[in-house]
Amino acid sequence: MIDLYTAPTPNGYKVSILLEELKLPYNVVSIELEKKEQKKTEFLKLNPNGRIPIIVDHENNDFTVFESGAQLIYLAEKTGKLMPTDIKGRTLVIQWLMFQMGGIGPMMGQANVFYRYFPEKIQSVIERYQKETLRLYTVLDTQLKEHEYLTGDLSIADIATWPWVIRYRWAGLDIDNLPHLQRWLDVLAERPAFKRGIEVPYKNERNNMSAKETQEKISKILI
């Protein structure tokens, strides 16, 4: 059994989507970021950086993994799925995973903050991060013109990238001129494991929520 410490963020969705794709049994521990639960002592013992998600693999001597990219690699290698084992194929997947971790995530994160949350709207800063995010989207679109998924077959690189890019409107962007990227987003959005995976951070909340409230929360992920 795996314990997943998570919250409704793009990095949180990555791991729950992968666990659903792999059909691994897991237990959800919801972390309320607004209450700073990720900064509590017991959480910091699992991840000294104080960030979600975390996985604890009880089948491997309670082995704890933090950093979402590391978790994706660990789970793919544990099961032998969604990442090739040959060095070339493995490296192709990892390089696109790193593209998300080092590019898409940080740039979209800054675009989101300055466009939506920062109290002072500094247009030059907003445009700087929006422009760089769109450049990265164009790289993805070019890759997806020749490939159904980022490395040909579905892999952890797609699972890492989709939860970030699907929220492009959150950063004030549109992708009308990136048809291959839009096609990829739509295809993955229809996969049952992706649908289930983005619901996971709300599992522990749903006992106190109506069906309508639950659906409204999930719908916000896709706008």
C-alpha atoms as a PDB file:
ATOM      1  CA  MET A   1       0.000   0.000   0.000  1.00  0.00           C
ATOM      2  CA  ILE A   2       1.136   3.546  -0.788  1.00  0.00           C
ATOM      3  CA  ASP A   3       0.201   6.627   1.197  1.00  0.00           C
ATOM      4  CA  LEU A   4      -0.226   9.736  -0.951  1.00  0.00           C
ATOM      5  CA  TYR A   5      -0.031  13.083   0.809  1.00  0.00           C
ATOM      6  CA  THR A   6      -1.585  15.529  -1.620  1.00  0.00           C
ATOM      7  CA  ALA A   7      -3.627  18.639  -2.324  1.00  0.00           C
ATOM      8  CA  PRO A   8      -5.431  19.997  -5.414  1.00  0.00           C
ATOM      9  CA  THR A   9      -2.464  21.445  -7.328  1.00  0.00           C
ATOM     10  CA  PRO A  10      -0.916  20.442 -10.666  1.00  0.00           C
ATOM     11  CA  ASN A  11       1.924  18.641  -8.888  1.00  0.00           C
ATOM     12  CA  GLY A  12      -0.563  16.835  -6.686  1.00  0.00           C
ATOM     13  CA  TYR A  13      -2.629  15.704  -9.669  1.00  0.00           C
ATOM     14  CA  LYS A  14       0.417  14.191 -11.387  1.00  0.00           C
ATOM     15  CA  VAL A  15       0.902  11.461  -8.846  1.00  0.00           C
ATOM     16  CA  SER A  16      -2.741  10.548  -8.343  1.00  0.00           C
ATOM     17  CA  ILE A  17      -3.182  10.297 -12.128  1.00  0.00           C
ATOM     18  CA  LEU A  18      -0.180   7.983 -12.342  1.00  0.00           C
ATOM     19  CA  LEU A  19      -1.407   5.821  -9.466  1.00  0.00           C
ATOM     20  CA  GLU A  20      -4.749   5.503 -11.251  1.00  0.00           C
ATOM     21  CA  GLU A  21      -3.071   4.621 -14.561  1.00  0.00           C
ATOM     22  CA  LEU A  22      -0.958   1.988 -12.806  1.00  0.00           C
ATOM     23  CA  LYS A  23      -3.935   0.664 -10.814  1.00  0.00           C
ATOM     24  CA  LEU A  24      -1.845   0.602  -7.644  1.00  0.00           C
ATOM     25  CA  PRO A  25      -3.619   0.534  -4.280  1.00  0.00           C
ATOM     26  CA  TYR A  26      -3.104   3.705  -2.292  1.00  0.00           C
ATOM     27  CA  ASN A  27      -4.438   5.717   0.604  1.00  0.00           C
ATOM     28  CA  VAL A  28      -5.061   9.461   0.315  1.00  0.00           C
ATOM     29  CA  VAL A  29      -3.932  11.851   3.028  1.00  0.00           C
ATOM     30  CA  SER A  30      -5.348  15.277   2.176  1.00  0.00           C
ATOM     31  CA  ILE A  31      -3.145  18.223   3.140  1.00  0.00           C
ATOM     32  CA  GLU A  32      -4.821  21.604   3.621  1.00  0.00           C
ATOM     33  CA  LEU A  33      -2.332  24.095   2.241  1.00  0.00           C
ATOM     34  CA  GLU A  34      -4.301  27.093   3.480  1.00  0.00           C
ATOM     35  CA  LYS A  35      -3.868  25.831   7.041  1.00  0.00           C
ATOM     36  CA  LYS A  36      -0.109  25.366   6.467  1.00  0.00           C
ATOM     37  CA  GLU A  37      -0.333  21.675   7.266  1.00  0.00           C
ATOM     38  CA  GLN A  38       2.634  21.155   4.939  1.00  0.00           C
ATOM     39  CA  LYS A  39       4.769  23.172   7.361  1.00  0.00           C
ATOM     40  CA  LYS A  40       3.969  21.116  10.453  1.00  0.00           C
ATOM     41  CA  THR A  41       6.728  19.120  12.117  1.00  0.00           C
ATOM     42  CA  GLU A  42       5.285  15.726  11.243  1.00  0.00           C
ATOM     43  CA  PHE A  43       5.027  16.690   7.580  1.00  0.00           C
ATOM     44  CA  LEU A  44       8.554  18.129   7.471  1.00  0.00           C
ATOM     45  CA  LYS A  45       9.870  14.798   8.734  1.00  0.00           C
ATOM     46  CA  LEU A  46       8.627  13.312   5.472  1.00  0.00           C
ATOM     47  CA  ASN A  47       9.628  16.224   3.251  1.00  0.00           C
ATOM     48  CA  PRO A  48      12.026  18.796   4.700  1.00  0.00           C
ATOM     49  CA  ASN A  49      11.064  21.166   1.868  1.00  0.00           C
ATOM     50  CA  GLY A  50       7.471  21.368   3.092  1.00  0.00           C
ATOM     51  CA  ARG A  51       5.762  20.717  -0.229  1.00  0.00           C
ATOM     52  CA  ILE A  52       3.191  18.268  -1.549  1.00  0.00           C
ATOM     53  CA  PRO A  53       2.962  15.612  -2.863  1.00  0.00           C
ATOM     54  CA  ILE A  54       4.702  12.903  -0.862  1.00  0.00           C
ATOM     55  CA  ILE A  55       4.425   9.144  -1.246  1.00  0.00           C
ATOM     56  CA  VAL A  56       5.257   6.556   1.402  1.00  0.00           C
ATOM     57  CA  ASP A  57       5.643   3.036   0.006  1.00  0.00           C
ATOM     58  CA  HIS A  58       4.824   0.586   2.782  1.00  0.00           C
ATOM     59  CA  GLU A  59       5.751  -2.319   0.504  1.00  0.00           C
ATOM     60  CA  ASN A  60       9.331  -1.003   0.448  1.00  0.00           C
ATOM     61  CA  ASN A  61      10.073  -0.545   4.153  1.00  0.00           C
ATOM     62  CA  ASP A  62       8.027   2.668   4.354  1.00  0.00           C
ATOM     63  CA  PHE A  63      10.276   4.298   1.771  1.00  0.00           C
ATOM     64  CA  THR A  64       9.392   7.996   1.454  1.00  0.00           C
ATOM     65  CA  VAL A  65       9.744   9.957  -1.791  1.00  0.00           C
ATOM     66  CA  PHE A  66       9.232  13.702  -2.156  1.00  0.00           C
ATOM     67  CA  GLU A  67       9.409  15.817  -5.354  1.00  0.00           C
ATOM     68  CA  SER A  68       6.730  14.867  -7.859  1.00  0.00           C
ATOM     69  CA  GLY A  69       9.149  14.116 -10.694  1.00  0.00           C
ATOM     70  CA  ALA A  70      11.082  11.686  -8.506  1.00  0.00           C
ATOM     71  CA  GLN A  71       7.816  10.046  -7.479  1.00  0.00           C
ATOM     72  CA  LEU A  72       6.802   9.513 -11.111  1.00  0.00           C
ATOM     73  CA  ILE A  73      10.142   7.896 -11.913  1.00  0.00           C
ATOM     74  CA  TYR A  74       9.994   5.742  -8.783  1.00  0.00           C
ATOM     75  CA  LEU A  75       6.487   4.451  -9.483  1.00  0.00           C
ATOM     76  CA  ALA A  76       7.188   3.860 -13.187  1.00  0.00           C
ATOM     77  CA  GLU A  77      10.330   1.876 -12.366  1.00  0.00           C
ATOM     78  CA  LYS A  78       8.593   0.028  -9.525  1.00  0.00           C
ATOM     79  CA  THR A  79       5.947  -1.269 -11.927  1.00  0.00           C
ATOM     80  CA  GLY A  80       7.891  -1.336 -15.193  1.00  0.00           C
ATOM     81  CA  LYS A  81       5.200   0.763 -16.867  1.00  0.00           C
ATOM     82  CA  LEU A  82       4.928   4.160 -18.592  1.00  0.00           C
ATOM     83  CA  MET A  83       8.698   4.505 -19.004  1.00  0.00           C
ATOM     84  CA  PRO A  84      10.961   2.406 -21.240  1.00  0.00           C
ATOM     85  CA  THR A  85      13.744   0.381 -19.671  1.00  0.00           C
ATOM     86  CA  ASP A  86      16.284   0.829 -22.486  1.00  0.00           C
ATOM     87  CA  ILE A  87      18.652   3.746 -21.945  1.00  0.00           C
ATOM     88  CA  LYS A  88      17.594   5.689 -25.048  1.00  0.00           C
ATOM     89  CA  GLY A  89      13.866   5.372 -24.419  1.00  0.00           C
ATOM     90  CA  ARG A  90      14.268   6.061 -20.711  1.00  0.00           C
ATOM     91  CA  THR A  91      16.305   9.191 -21.413  1.00  0.00           C
ATOM     92  CA  LEU A  92      13.771  10.471 -23.946  1.00  0.00           C
ATOM     93  CA  VAL A  93      11.042  10.277 -21.319  1.00  0.00           C
ATOM     94  CA  ILE A  94      13.180  11.804 -18.581  1.00  0.00           C
ATOM     95  CA  GLN A  95      14.240  14.743 -20.740  1.00  0.00           C
ATOM     96  CA  TRP A  96      10.596  15.699 -21.363  1.00  0.00           C
ATOM     97  CA  LEU A  97       9.860  15.156 -17.686  1.00  0.00           C
ATOM     98  CA  MET A  98      12.688  17.574 -16.870  1.00  0.00           C
ATOM     99  CA  PHE A  99      11.289  19.999 -19.469  1.00  0.00           C
ATOM    100  CA  GLN A 100       8.140  20.150 -17.376  1.00  0.00           C
ATOM    101  CA  MET A 101       9.922  20.300 -14.041  1.00  0.00           C
ATOM    102  CA  GLY A 102      12.428  22.958 -15.070  1.00  0.00           C
ATOM    103  CA  GLY A 103      10.372  24.933 -17.575  1.00  0.00           C
ATOM    104  CA  ILE A 104       6.612  24.503 -17.740  1.00  0.00           C
ATOM    105  CA  GLY A 105       6.089  24.305 -13.978  1.00  0.00           C
ATOM    106  CA  PRO A 106       8.204  27.282 -12.890  1.00  0.00           C
ATOM    107  CA  MET A 107       7.141  29.573 -15.734  1.00  0.00           C
ATOM    108  CA  MET A 108       3.446  28.753 -15.469  1.00  0.00           C
ATOM    109  CA  GLY A 109       3.676  29.083 -11.717  1.00  0.00           C
ATOM    110  CA  GLN A 110       5.014  32.619 -12.021  1.00  0.00           C
ATOM    111  CA  ALA A 111       2.522  33.502 -14.751  1.00  0.00           C
ATOM    112  CA  ASN A 112      -0.321  32.276 -12.538  1.00  0.00           C
ATOM    113  CA  VAL A 113       0.868  34.255  -9.527  1.00  0.00           C
ATOM    114  CA  PHE A 114       1.469  37.570 -11.272  1.00  0.00           C
ATOM    115  CA  TYR A 115      -1.613  37.363 -13.513  1.00  0.00           C
ATOM    116  CA  ARG A 116      -4.107  36.148 -10.930  1.00  0.00           C
ATOM    117  CA  TYR A 117      -2.870  36.553  -7.365  1.00  0.00           C
ATOM    118  CA  PHE A 118      -0.265  39.298  -7.069  1.00  0.00           C
ATOM    119  CA  PRO A 119      -1.946  42.402  -5.570  1.00  0.00           C
ATOM    120  CA  GLU A 120      -0.126  44.821  -7.872  1.00  0.00           C
ATOM    121  CA  LYS A 121      -0.638  44.137 -11.586  1.00  0.00           C
ATOM    122  CA  ILE A 122       2.803  44.707 -13.097  1.00  0.00           C
ATOM    123  CA  GLN A 123       2.092  44.299 -16.798  1.00  0.00           C
ATOM    124  CA  SER A 124       5.718  43.936 -17.891  1.00  0.00           C
ATOM    125  CA  VAL A 125       6.211  41.054 -15.439  1.00  0.00           C
ATOM    126  CA  ILE A 126       2.947  39.378 -16.404  1.00  0.00           C
ATOM    127  CA  GLU A 127       3.854  39.577 -20.088  1.00  0.00           C
ATOM    128  CA  ARG A 128       7.359  38.277 -19.442  1.00  0.00           C
ATOM    129  CA  TYR A 129       6.073  35.045 -17.866  1.00  0.00           C
ATOM    130  CA  GLN A 130       3.147  34.668 -20.246  1.00  0.00           C
ATOM    131  CA  LYS A 131       5.461  35.032 -23.249  1.00  0.00           C
ATOM    132  CA  GLU A 132       7.918  32.451 -21.933  1.00  0.00           C
ATOM    133  CA  THR A 133       5.100  30.044 -21.093  1.00  0.00           C
ATOM    134  CA  LEU A 134       3.712  30.355 -24.618  1.00  0.00           C
ATOM    135  CA  ARG A 135       7.181  29.714 -26.018  1.00  0.00           C
ATOM    136  CA  LEU A 136       7.329  26.494 -24.032  1.00  0.00           C
ATOM    137  CA  TYR A 137       3.835  25.571 -25.244  1.00  0.00           C
ATOM    138  CA  THR A 138       5.074  26.043 -28.801  1.00  0.00           C
ATOM    139  CA  VAL A 139       7.885  23.576 -28.131  1.00  0.00           C
ATOM    140  CA  LEU A 140       5.290  21.062 -26.957  1.00  0.00           C
ATOM    141  CA  ASP A 141       3.081  21.749 -29.973  1.00  0.00           C
ATOM    142  CA  THR A 142       5.999  21.131 -32.349  1.00  0.00           C
ATOM    143  CA  GLN A 143       6.815  17.848 -30.630  1.00  0.00           C
ATOM    144  CA  LEU A 144       3.188  16.746 -30.657  1.00  0.00           C
ATOM    145  CA  LYS A 145       2.845  17.486 -34.361  1.00  0.00           C
ATOM    146  CA  GLU A 146       4.925  14.372 -35.023  1.00  0.00           C
ATOM    147  CA  HIS A 147       3.948  12.274 -31.994  1.00  0.00           C
ATOM    148  CA  GLU A 148       0.651  11.229 -30.459  1.00  0.00           C
ATOM    149  CA  TYR A 149       2.205  11.688 -27.029  1.00  0.00           C
ATOM    150  CA  LEU A 150       5.379  13.517 -26.035  1.00  0.00           C
ATOM    151  CA  THR A 151       7.697  10.572 -26.626  1.00  0.00           C
ATOM    152  CA  GLY A 152       5.487   8.500 -28.913  1.00  0.00           C
ATOM    153  CA  ASP A 153       3.749   6.297 -26.367  1.00  0.00           C
ATOM    154  CA  LEU A 154       1.984   7.536 -23.251  1.00  0.00           C
ATOM    155  CA  SER A 155       4.541   8.043 -20.494  1.00  0.00           C
ATOM    156  CA  ILE A 156       5.164   9.786 -17.196  1.00  0.00           C
ATOM    157  CA  ALA A 157       6.263  12.836 -19.215  1.00  0.00           C
ATOM    158  CA  ASP A 158       2.679  13.294 -20.421  1.00  0.00           C
ATOM    159  CA  ILE A 159       1.324  12.691 -16.931  1.00  0.00           C
ATOM    160  CA  ALA A 160       3.671  15.320 -15.487  1.00  0.00           C
ATOM    161  CA  THR A 161       2.892  17.960 -18.100  1.00  0.00           C
ATOM    162  CA  TRP A 162      -0.857  17.681 -18.646  1.00  0.00           C
ATOM    163  CA  PRO A 163      -2.011  18.897 -15.186  1.00  0.00           C
ATOM    164  CA  TRP A 164      -0.048  22.112 -15.698  1.00  0.00           C
ATOM    165  CA  VAL A 165      -0.907  22.897 -19.315  1.00  0.00           C
ATOM    166  CA  ILE A 166      -4.612  22.056 -18.990  1.00  0.00           C
ATOM    167  CA  ARG A 167      -4.913  25.177 -16.826  1.00  0.00           C
ATOM    168  CA  TYR A 168      -3.517  27.562 -19.451  1.00  0.00           C
ATOM    169  CA  ARG A 169      -6.468  29.930 -19.029  1.00  0.00           C
ATOM    170  CA  TRP A 170      -5.558  30.323 -15.364  1.00  0.00           C
ATOM    171  CA  ALA A 171      -2.462  32.208 -16.532  1.00  0.00           C
ATOM    172  CA  GLY A 172      -4.492  34.354 -18.957  1.00  0.00           C
ATOM    173  CA  LEU A 173      -3.359  32.433 -22.040  1.00  0.00           C
ATOM    174  CA  ASP A 174      -5.014  30.830 -25.053  1.00  0.00           C
ATOM    175  CA  ILE A 175      -3.750  28.066 -27.312  1.00  0.00           C
ATOM    176  CA  ASP A 176      -5.919  28.604 -30.376  1.00  0.00           C
ATOM    177  CA  ASN A 177      -2.808  28.651 -32.567  1.00  0.00           C
ATOM    178  CA  LEU A 178      -1.429  25.425 -31.092  1.00  0.00           C
ATOM    179  CA  PRO A 179      -3.717  22.704 -32.488  1.00  0.00           C
ATOM    180  CA  HIS A 180      -1.474  19.741 -31.679  1.00  0.00           C
ATOM    181  CA  LEU A 181      -1.213  20.793 -28.065  1.00  0.00           C
ATOM    182  CA  GLN A 182      -4.987  21.233 -27.868  1.00  0.00           C
ATOM    183  CA  ARG A 183      -5.531  17.783 -29.396  1.00  0.00           C
ATOM    184  CA  TRP A 184      -3.190  16.217 -26.818  1.00  0.00           C
ATOM    185  CA  LEU A 185      -4.922  17.998 -23.922  1.00  0.00           C
ATOM    186  CA  ASP A 186      -8.335  16.825 -25.110  1.00  0.00           C
ATOM    187  CA  VAL A 187      -7.241  13.211 -25.646  1.00  0.00           C
ATOM    188  CA  LEU A 188      -5.742  12.923 -22.176  1.00  0.00           C
ATOM    189  CA  ALA A 189      -8.723  14.632 -20.559  1.00  0.00           C
ATOM    190  CA  GLU A 190     -10.888  11.740 -21.774  1.00  0.00           C
ATOM    191  CA  ARG A 191      -8.737   9.012 -20.227  1.00  0.00           C
ATOM    192  CA  PRO A 192     -10.569   7.482 -17.240  1.00  0.00           C
ATOM    193  CA  ALA A 193      -7.441   7.486 -15.067  1.00  0.00           C
ATOM    194  CA  PHE A 194      -6.914  11.198 -15.688  1.00  0.00           C
ATOM    195  CA  LYS A 195     -10.530  11.914 -14.775  1.00  0.00           C
ATOM    196  CA  ARG A 196     -10.225   9.913 -11.577  1.00  0.00           C
ATOM    197  CA  GLY A 197      -6.792  11.307 -10.766  1.00  0.00           C
ATOM    198  CA  ILE A 198      -7.872  14.940 -10.642  1.00  0.00           C
ATOM    199  CA  GLU A 199     -10.672  14.038  -8.243  1.00  0.00           C
ATOM    200  CA  VAL A 200      -8.361  12.338  -5.747  1.00  0.00           C
ATOM    201  CA  PRO A 201      -7.345  15.387  -3.643  1.00  0.00           C
ATOM    202  CA  TYR A 202     -11.039  15.949  -2.906  1.00  0.00           C
ATOM    203  CA  LYS A 203     -11.794  12.392  -1.763  1.00  0.00           C
ATOM    204  CA  ASN A 204     -11.586  13.158   1.917  1.00  0.00           C
ATOM    205  CA  GLU A 205     -13.650  16.342   1.465  1.00  0.00           C
ATOM    206  CA  ARG A 206     -16.537  14.764  -0.380  1.00  0.00           C
ATOM    207  CA  ASN A 207     -18.194  13.345   2.717  1.00  0.00           C
ATOM    208  CA  ASN A 208     -19.111  16.930   3.581  1.00  0.00           C
ATOM    209  CA  MET A 209     -19.863  18.107   0.044  1.00  0.00           C
ATOM    210  CA  SER A 210     -22.850  17.702  -2.211  1.00  0.00           C
ATOM    211  CA  ALA A 211     -22.414  16.125  -5.632  1.00  0.00           C
ATOM    212  CA  LYS A 212     -22.904  19.562  -7.196  1.00  0.00           C
ATOM    213  CA  GLU A 213     -20.194  21.122  -5.011  1.00  0.00           C
ATOM    214  CA  THR A 214     -17.804  18.316  -5.861  1.00  0.00           C
ATOM    215  CA  GLN A 215     -18.366  18.716  -9.589  1.00  0.00           C
ATOM    216  CA  GLU A 216     -17.922  22.467  -9.380  1.00  0.00           C
ATOM    217  CA  LYS A 217     -14.546  22.026  -7.698  1.00  0.00           C
ATOM    218  CA  ILE A 218     -13.380  19.495 -10.284  1.00  0.00           C
ATOM    219  CA  SER A 219     -14.594  21.675 -13.163  1.00  0.00           C
ATOM    220  CA  LYS A 220     -12.404  24.555 -11.993  1.00  0.00           C
ATOM    221  CA  ILE A 221      -9.322  22.458 -12.734  1.00  0.00           C
ATOM    222  CA  LEU A 222     -10.151  22.573 -16.435  1.00  0.00           C
ATOM    223  CA  ILE A 223     -10.661  26.339 -16.777  1.00  0.00           C
END
